[in-house]
Protein backbone atom coordinates (compact mmCIF):
# COMPACT_ATOMS: atom_id res chain seq x y z
CA UNK A 1 0.00 0.00 0.00
CA UNK A 2 1.31 3.44 -0.97
CA UNK A 3 1.52 5.94 1.88
CA UNK A 4 2.10 9.68 2.07
CA UNK A 5 5.63 8.95 3.32
CA UNK A 6 6.68 7.09 0.19
CA UNK A 7 8.69 8.85 -2.51
CA UNK A 8 7.13 9.90 -5.81
CA UNK A 9 8.41 11.00 -9.21
CA UNK A 10 7.19 14.43 -10.33
CA UNK A 11 8.27 15.24 -13.85
CA UNK A 12 11.62 13.51 -13.38
CA UNK A 13 12.19 14.94 -9.91
CA UNK A 14 12.32 12.40 -7.09
CA UNK A 15 10.34 13.73 -4.14
CA UNK A 16 11.06 12.02 -0.77
CA UNK A 17 7.43 12.05 0.38
CA UNK A 18 3.94 12.99 -0.81
CA UNK A 19 3.28 15.81 1.65
CA UNK A 20 3.01 19.25 0.05
CA UNK A 21 3.27 22.60 1.74
CA UNK A 22 0.33 24.49 0.24
CA UNK A 23 0.69 28.07 -0.99
CA UNK A 24 -0.23 30.60 1.70
CA UNK A 25 -0.15 34.39 1.53
CA UNK A 26 2.02 35.82 4.34
CA UNK A 27 2.42 39.48 3.18
CA UNK A 28 6.03 39.91 4.27
CA UNK A 29 7.77 40.94 1.04
CA UNK A 30 9.67 43.75 2.73
CA UNK A 31 12.74 43.56 0.49
CA UNK A 32 13.50 46.04 -2.31
CA UNK A 33 10.66 46.27 -4.81
CA UNK A 34 8.43 43.73 -3.03
CA UNK A 35 11.12 41.06 -2.92
CA UNK A 36 11.60 38.28 -0.35
CA UNK A 37 13.87 38.83 2.66
CA UNK A 38 16.26 36.73 4.71
CA UNK A 39 13.32 35.85 6.93
CA UNK A 40 11.47 34.51 3.89
CA UNK A 41 14.42 32.27 3.12
CA UNK A 42 14.52 31.02 6.71
CA UNK A 43 10.75 30.40 6.72
CA UNK A 44 10.80 28.18 3.66
CA UNK A 45 14.08 26.44 4.53
CA UNK A 46 12.61 25.44 7.89
CA UNK A 47 9.90 23.57 5.97
CA UNK A 48 12.22 21.84 3.49
CA UNK A 49 11.25 18.36 4.70
CA UNK A 50 8.02 18.67 2.72
CA UNK A 51 8.01 16.53 -0.39
CA UNK A 52 7.28 19.77 -2.23
CA UNK A 53 6.92 23.39 -1.14
CA UNK A 54 4.63 25.67 -3.13
CA UNK A 55 5.24 29.30 -2.28
CA UNK A 56 2.79 32.01 -1.41
CA UNK A 57 0.97 33.56 -4.35
CA UNK A 58 3.47 35.68 -6.30
CA UNK A 59 2.35 38.29 -8.80
CA UNK A 60 3.68 37.83 -12.34
CA UNK A 61 3.36 41.55 -13.08
CA UNK A 62 2.85 44.84 -11.21
CA UNK A 63 -0.83 44.80 -12.14
CA UNK A 64 -1.33 41.35 -10.67
CA UNK A 65 -0.99 42.44 -7.05
CA UNK A 66 -4.07 42.28 -4.85
CA UNK A 67 -2.76 42.60 -1.29
CA UNK A 68 -0.12 44.67 0.53
CA UNK A 69 3.44 43.35 0.76
CA UNK A 70 3.04 40.32 -1.48
CA UNK A 71 6.08 39.34 -3.56
CA UNK A 72 6.47 39.55 -7.29
CA UNK A 73 8.59 37.76 -9.87
CA UNK A 74 8.84 40.40 -12.59
CA UNK A 75 11.98 42.37 -11.67
CA UNK A 76 15.67 41.71 -11.20
CA UNK A 77 15.37 42.59 -7.50
CA UNK A 78 12.65 40.01 -7.04
CA UNK A 79 14.59 37.32 -8.92
CA UNK A 80 17.60 37.98 -6.68
CA UNK A 81 15.45 37.83 -3.54
CA UNK A 82 13.86 34.55 -4.57
CA UNK A 83 17.28 33.11 -5.45
CA UNK A 84 18.24 33.43 -1.78
CA UNK A 85 15.07 31.54 -0.88
CA UNK A 86 15.57 28.69 -3.34
CA UNK A 87 19.24 28.36 -2.39
CA UNK A 88 18.29 28.05 1.28
CA UNK A 89 15.61 25.44 0.55
CA UNK A 90 17.91 23.40 -1.68
CA UNK A 91 20.73 23.53 0.86
CA UNK A 92 18.24 22.09 3.37
CA UNK A 93 17.39 19.28 0.95
CA UNK A 94 14.03 20.60 -0.23
CA UNK A 95 12.23 21.20 -3.51
CA UNK A 96 10.23 24.36 -4.19
CA UNK A 97 7.77 25.58 -6.84
CA UNK A 98 6.59 29.18 -7.03
CA UNK A 99 2.88 29.88 -7.34
CA UNK A 100 2.08 32.58 -9.89
CA UNK A 101 -1.04 34.45 -8.78
CA UNK A 102 -2.70 37.29 -10.65
CA UNK A 103 -5.53 38.48 -8.40
CA UNK A 104 -7.61 40.13 -11.12
CA UNK A 105 -10.60 41.98 -9.67
CA UNK A 106 -9.62 41.06 -6.10
CA UNK A 107 -7.59 44.09 -5.11
CA UNK A 108 -7.66 47.87 -5.32
CA UNK A 109 -5.98 50.49 -7.48
CA UNK A 110 -4.22 51.95 -4.41
CA UNK A 111 -2.13 48.74 -4.33
CA UNK A 112 -1.05 49.15 -7.96
CA UNK A 113 1.32 51.50 -9.77
CA UNK A 114 -0.21 54.76 -10.90
CA UNK A 115 -2.48 54.37 -13.88
CA UNK A 116 -3.32 50.71 -13.30
CA UNK A 117 -6.57 49.32 -11.97
CA UNK A 118 -7.77 45.78 -11.26
CA UNK A 119 -8.76 43.78 -14.33
CA UNK A 120 -11.12 40.87 -14.94
CA UNK A 121 -12.79 38.97 -17.77
CA UNK A 122 -15.89 41.15 -17.34
CA UNK A 123 -16.51 44.46 -15.51
CA UNK A 124 -18.26 42.80 -12.55
CA UNK A 125 -17.48 44.18 -9.08
CA UNK A 126 -16.86 41.65 -6.31
CA UNK A 127 -18.72 41.96 -3.04
CA UNK A 128 -16.53 42.76 -0.05
CA UNK A 129 -13.36 44.70 0.64
CA UNK A 130 -9.61 44.36 0.70
CA UNK A 131 -7.09 45.64 3.24
CA UNK A 132 -4.86 48.46 2.02
CA UNK A 133 -2.41 50.92 3.60
CA UNK A 134 -5.38 53.25 4.07
CA UNK A 135 -7.45 50.54 5.72
CA UNK A 136 -10.22 48.40 4.21
CA UNK A 137 -11.39 49.48 0.76
CA UNK A 138 -14.39 48.11 -1.08
CA UNK A 139 -13.60 46.20 -4.24
CA UNK A 140 -14.13 48.36 -7.30
CA UNK A 141 -15.44 47.62 -10.74
CA UNK A 142 -12.57 46.07 -12.69
CA UNK A 143 -11.55 46.93 -16.20
CA UNK A 144 -12.53 44.27 -18.74
CA UNK A 145 -9.51 42.72 -20.43
CA UNK A 146 -9.58 43.10 -24.19
CA UNK A 147 -7.80 40.73 -26.58
CA UNK A 148 -4.50 42.58 -26.30
CA UNK A 149 -4.80 42.68 -22.52
CA UNK A 150 -5.39 38.94 -22.37
CA UNK A 151 -2.41 38.28 -24.62
CA UNK A 152 -0.24 40.55 -22.49
CA UNK A 153 -1.34 38.85 -19.26
CA UNK A 154 -0.60 35.39 -20.66
CA UNK A 155 2.83 36.60 -21.80
CA UNK A 156 3.51 38.05 -18.34
CA UNK A 157 2.95 34.62 -16.80
CA UNK A 158 5.42 33.08 -19.24
CA UNK A 159 8.00 35.77 -18.48
CA UNK A 160 7.54 35.23 -14.74
CA UNK A 161 8.00 31.49 -15.27
CA UNK A 162 11.33 32.13 -16.98
CA UNK A 163 12.26 34.38 -14.07
CA UNK A 164 11.35 31.51 -11.74
CA UNK A 165 13.90 29.27 -13.41
CA UNK A 166 16.47 32.06 -13.21
CA UNK A 167 15.68 32.35 -9.50
CA UNK A 168 16.35 28.63 -8.98
CA UNK A 169 12.81 27.32 -8.59
CA UNK A 170 12.16 23.68 -9.42
CA UNK A 171 8.90 24.59 -11.12
CA UNK A 172 5.84 26.83 -11.31
CA UNK A 173 2.25 26.41 -10.14
CA UNK A 174 -0.37 28.43 -12.03
CA UNK A 175 -3.07 29.69 -9.65
CA UNK A 176 -6.54 29.21 -11.14
CA UNK A 177 -8.35 28.85 -7.82
CA UNK A 178 -9.81 30.77 -4.88
CA UNK A 179 -11.47 33.58 -6.82
CA UNK A 180 -8.44 35.09 -8.57
CA UNK A 181 -8.05 36.03 -12.23
CA UNK A 182 -7.91 32.60 -13.90
CA UNK A 183 -10.77 31.44 -11.66
CA UNK A 184 -12.71 34.56 -12.65
CA UNK A 185 -12.46 33.39 -16.26
CA UNK A 186 -13.69 29.92 -15.29
CA UNK A 187 -16.75 31.09 -13.34
CA UNK A 188 -19.96 32.15 -15.13
CA UNK A 189 -20.84 34.92 -12.67
CA UNK A 190 -17.52 36.70 -13.27
CA UNK A 191 -17.05 35.78 -16.93
CA UNK A 192 -20.01 37.17 -18.89
CA UNK A 193 -18.17 37.33 -22.19
CA UNK A 194 -19.69 36.11 -25.43
CA UNK A 195 -16.46 35.96 -27.43
CA UNK A 196 -13.97 33.08 -27.57
CA UNK A 197 -12.97 33.65 -23.94
CA UNK A 198 -16.39 32.92 -22.46
CA UNK A 199 -19.94 31.90 -23.17
CA UNK A 200 -19.32 28.13 -23.12
CA UNK A 201 -17.38 25.74 -20.87
CA UNK A 202 -14.62 25.66 -23.47
CA UNK A 203 -14.54 29.45 -23.70
CA UNK A 204 -14.40 29.91 -19.94
CA UNK A 205 -11.60 27.32 -19.68
CA UNK A 206 -9.53 28.93 -22.43
CA UNK A 207 -7.66 31.55 -20.38
CA UNK A 208 -6.44 29.12 -17.71
CA UNK A 209 -5.42 26.66 -20.41
CA UNK A 210 -3.52 29.34 -22.35
CA UNK A 211 -1.62 30.44 -19.25
CA UNK A 212 -0.62 26.86 -18.44
CA UNK A 213 0.41 26.30 -22.04
CA UNK A 214 2.53 29.46 -22.07
CA UNK A 215 4.25 28.52 -18.82
CA UNK A 216 4.86 24.98 -20.05
CA UNK A 217 6.32 26.30 -23.31
CA UNK A 218 8.62 28.58 -21.31
CA UNK A 219 9.98 26.09 -18.75
CA UNK A 220 8.72 22.62 -19.66
CA UNK A 221 5.42 20.91 -18.95
CA UNK A 222 7.02 18.59 -16.40
CA UNK A 223 7.85 21.64 -14.27
CA UNK A 224 4.38 23.15 -14.58
CA UNK A 225 1.47 22.62 -12.19
CA UNK A 226 -2.05 24.00 -12.00
CA UNK A 227 -4.22 24.74 -8.96
CA UNK A 228 -8.01 24.78 -9.24
CA UNK A 229 -10.92 24.92 -6.79
CA UNK A 230 -14.17 23.94 -8.54
CA UNK A 231 -17.22 25.36 -6.82
CA UNK A 232 -15.20 27.46 -4.37
CA UNK A 233 -17.05 30.66 -3.43
CA UNK A 234 -14.01 32.67 -2.32
CA UNK A 235 -13.76 36.06 -4.03
CA UNK A 236 -17.52 36.18 -4.64
CA UNK A 237 -17.36 33.31 -7.13
CA UNK A 238 -20.48 31.36 -8.08
CA UNK A 239 -20.09 28.09 -10.01
CA UNK A 240 -23.41 26.27 -9.70
CA UNK A 241 -22.37 23.54 -12.17
CA UNK A 242 -18.58 23.48 -12.37
CA UNK A 243 -18.09 20.04 -13.90
CA UNK A 244 -18.48 20.91 -17.62
CA UNK A 245 -16.00 23.79 -17.42
CA UNK A 246 -13.34 21.85 -15.52
CA UNK A 247 -13.66 18.83 -17.79
CA UNK A 248 -13.24 21.22 -20.72
CA UNK A 249 -10.13 22.60 -19.03
CA UNK A 250 -8.60 19.13 -18.72
CA UNK A 251 -9.39 18.39 -22.36
CA UNK A 252 -7.64 21.61 -23.38
CA UNK A 253 -4.60 20.63 -21.33
CA UNK A 254 -4.24 17.13 -22.79
CA UNK A 255 -1.75 18.29 -25.48
CA UNK A 256 0.21 20.23 -22.85
CA UNK A 257 0.60 17.53 -20.19
CA UNK A 258 1.32 19.59 -17.05
CA UNK A 259 3.16 17.74 -14.31
CA UNK A 260 0.49 18.00 -11.66
CA UNK A 261 -3.03 19.14 -10.90
CA UNK A 262 -3.61 20.64 -7.44
CA UNK A 263 -7.27 20.54 -6.41
CA UNK A 264 -8.69 22.57 -3.55
CA UNK A 265 -11.73 20.47 -2.76
CA UNK A 266 -14.89 22.28 -1.77
CA UNK A 267 -16.96 19.26 -0.82
CA UNK A 268 -17.72 17.59 -4.14
CA UNK A 269 -15.66 14.41 -3.90
CA UNK A 270 -17.42 12.98 -6.96
CA UNK A 271 -15.98 15.76 -9.13
CA UNK A 272 -12.54 15.26 -7.60
CA UNK A 273 -12.65 11.58 -8.53
CA UNK A 274 -13.82 12.38 -12.05
CA UNK A 275 -10.98 14.86 -12.54
CA UNK A 276 -8.52 12.33 -11.17
CA UNK A 277 -9.72 9.74 -13.64
CA UNK A 278 -9.22 12.13 -16.53
CA UNK A 279 -5.89 13.69 -15.50
CA UNK A 280 -2.85 11.52 -16.31
CA UNK A 281 -0.32 13.41 -14.18
CA UNK A 282 0.21 13.66 -10.43
CA UNK A 283 -2.88 14.74 -8.50
CA UNK A 284 -2.39 16.84 -5.37
CA UNK A 285 -5.41 17.25 -3.11
CA UNK A 286 -6.17 19.84 -0.46
CA UNK A 287 -9.41 19.56 1.50
CA UNK A 288 -9.25 22.93 3.24
CA UNK A 289 -12.86 23.77 2.44
CA UNK A 290 -14.27 20.47 3.68
CA UNK A 291 -14.76 18.93 7.09
CA UNK A 292 -13.81 15.33 6.35
CA UNK A 293 -10.05 15.68 6.23
CA UNK A 294 -8.49 18.82 7.67
CA UNK A 295 -5.54 17.30 9.52
CA UNK A 296 -3.65 14.02 9.83
CA UNK A 297 -6.67 12.12 8.50
CA UNK A 298 -5.87 13.58 5.09
CA UNK A 299 -3.02 11.07 4.79
CA UNK A 300 -5.65 8.42 4.07
CA UNK A 301 -6.32 10.07 0.72
CA UNK A 302 -3.00 8.72 -0.55
CA UNK A 303 -3.51 5.29 0.93
CA UNK A 304 -6.96 4.84 -0.63
CA UNK A 305 -5.81 6.17 -4.01
CA UNK A 306 -7.92 9.32 -4.05
CA UNK A 307 -4.78 11.45 -4.54
CA UNK A 308 -1.08 11.01 -5.24
CA UNK A 309 -0.07 13.78 -2.85
CA UNK A 310 -1.81 15.82 -0.14
CA UNK A 311 -1.22 19.46 0.70
CA UNK A 312 -1.43 21.22 4.06
CA UNK A 313 -1.65 24.91 4.82
CA UNK A 314 -2.23 25.95 8.44
CA UNK A 315 -0.48 22.90 9.86
CA UNK A 316 2.67 23.90 7.95
CA UNK A 317 2.48 27.45 9.27
CA UNK A 318 2.81 26.24 12.85
CA UNK A 319 4.78 23.04 12.31
CA UNK A 320 7.90 23.52 10.19
CA UNK A 321 8.73 19.80 10.51
CA UNK A 322 5.20 18.66 9.67
CA UNK A 323 6.10 15.39 7.87
CA UNK A 324 7.89 14.13 10.99
CA UNK A 325 4.96 15.12 13.18
CA UNK A 326 2.47 13.43 10.85
CA UNK A 327 4.55 10.26 10.83
CA UNK A 328 4.75 10.27 14.63
CA UNK A 329 1.13 11.26 15.26
CA UNK A 330 2.00 14.71 16.60
CA UNK A 331 2.22 16.71 18.75
CA UNK A 332 1.20 19.79 16.77
CA UNK A 333 1.85 23.44 17.47
CA UNK A 334 -1.17 25.74 17.20
CA UNK A 335 -1.02 28.52 14.64
CA UNK A 336 -1.44 32.12 15.81
CA UNK A 337 -3.98 33.59 13.38
CA UNK A 338 -3.08 37.14 14.39
CA UNK A 339 0.33 36.70 12.74
CA UNK A 340 -0.79 35.17 9.44
CA UNK A 341 -0.47 38.35 7.39
CA UNK A 342 2.30 40.89 7.78
CA UNK A 343 4.31 41.64 10.89
CA UNK A 344 7.75 40.51 11.98
CA UNK A 345 9.21 37.04 12.55
CA UNK A 346 6.72 36.22 15.28
CA UNK A 347 4.38 33.59 13.97
CA UNK A 348 6.64 33.24 10.94
CA UNK A 349 10.03 31.72 11.72
CA UNK A 350 9.73 31.11 15.49
CA UNK A 351 7.57 27.97 15.64
CA UNK A 352 9.66 25.22 17.25
CA UNK A 353 10.55 21.93 15.58
CA UNK A 354 10.36 18.68 17.48
CA UNK A 355 13.08 18.64 20.10
CA UNK A 356 13.60 22.38 19.65
């Protein structure tokens, strides 16, 4: 029987276990030009015993930023900052992918360079607000991307993927989940287009597929992953019948062959199993939105064949040596929610390892 502690091959890379550190926004890019710091390098290196680390969402362009102090991967300063992170993780024996995250309509123009505003597939304002330097600001109506804007955004993801390789990353995860730009194209309430980028399941799936294809062309399909969250309501998303669109997305990706598919499950296990059946690569599963498996029980998903790998978020925040704790049945540190976003090293690099 395969367990989460067995090694696995991911696009020619031998991973020592099947436990993934999920991407988590930490809002601590205090280096020059929103670049990672020495603390960022320490944070990820502490968690290098994961089979794979996927970084916090990282904007591929200045216009892709949706929160304060999130890192980018579109400048020389940012590449240099991330190089220190990847070097530290590799020296500790780990493997690390960067997650490219364009937030689309989730954000505010005060977080962007002058002249830019949030963009989306359609000019549909999200309900809610975002934290900015001036305090909470209501989401605003985004600008609708035209054909040239879509092409530019796809190209920015490819350029950021090349920067990722230059920064020493082992691969790239494209973020098409949790209400951000690629997810906004997938969802019918945020994508009201009637051109080739919307209107049908195939049209809604096209943007995410094009981004994955561009990244794969830039760095190799075996080093490219995709994260999705069918039916997830984060970011004011409404997908009442997600299956046709996500099956269309997998069909579009068949010629590309990305290395893995990372599913954030929102309760529909039947859809997860259908996607697993149709995706030939490695399937990573995160059940953060469900109640069945939100801790050590998630390991069973590998043993019963539901997934090839499982990803953890909060547990990795508080437990830098999480694979060892999972193998030993604990104990587990408790995460301090007040330190999740921004701040100093408290709640970031000071959680003790076993025996520490």
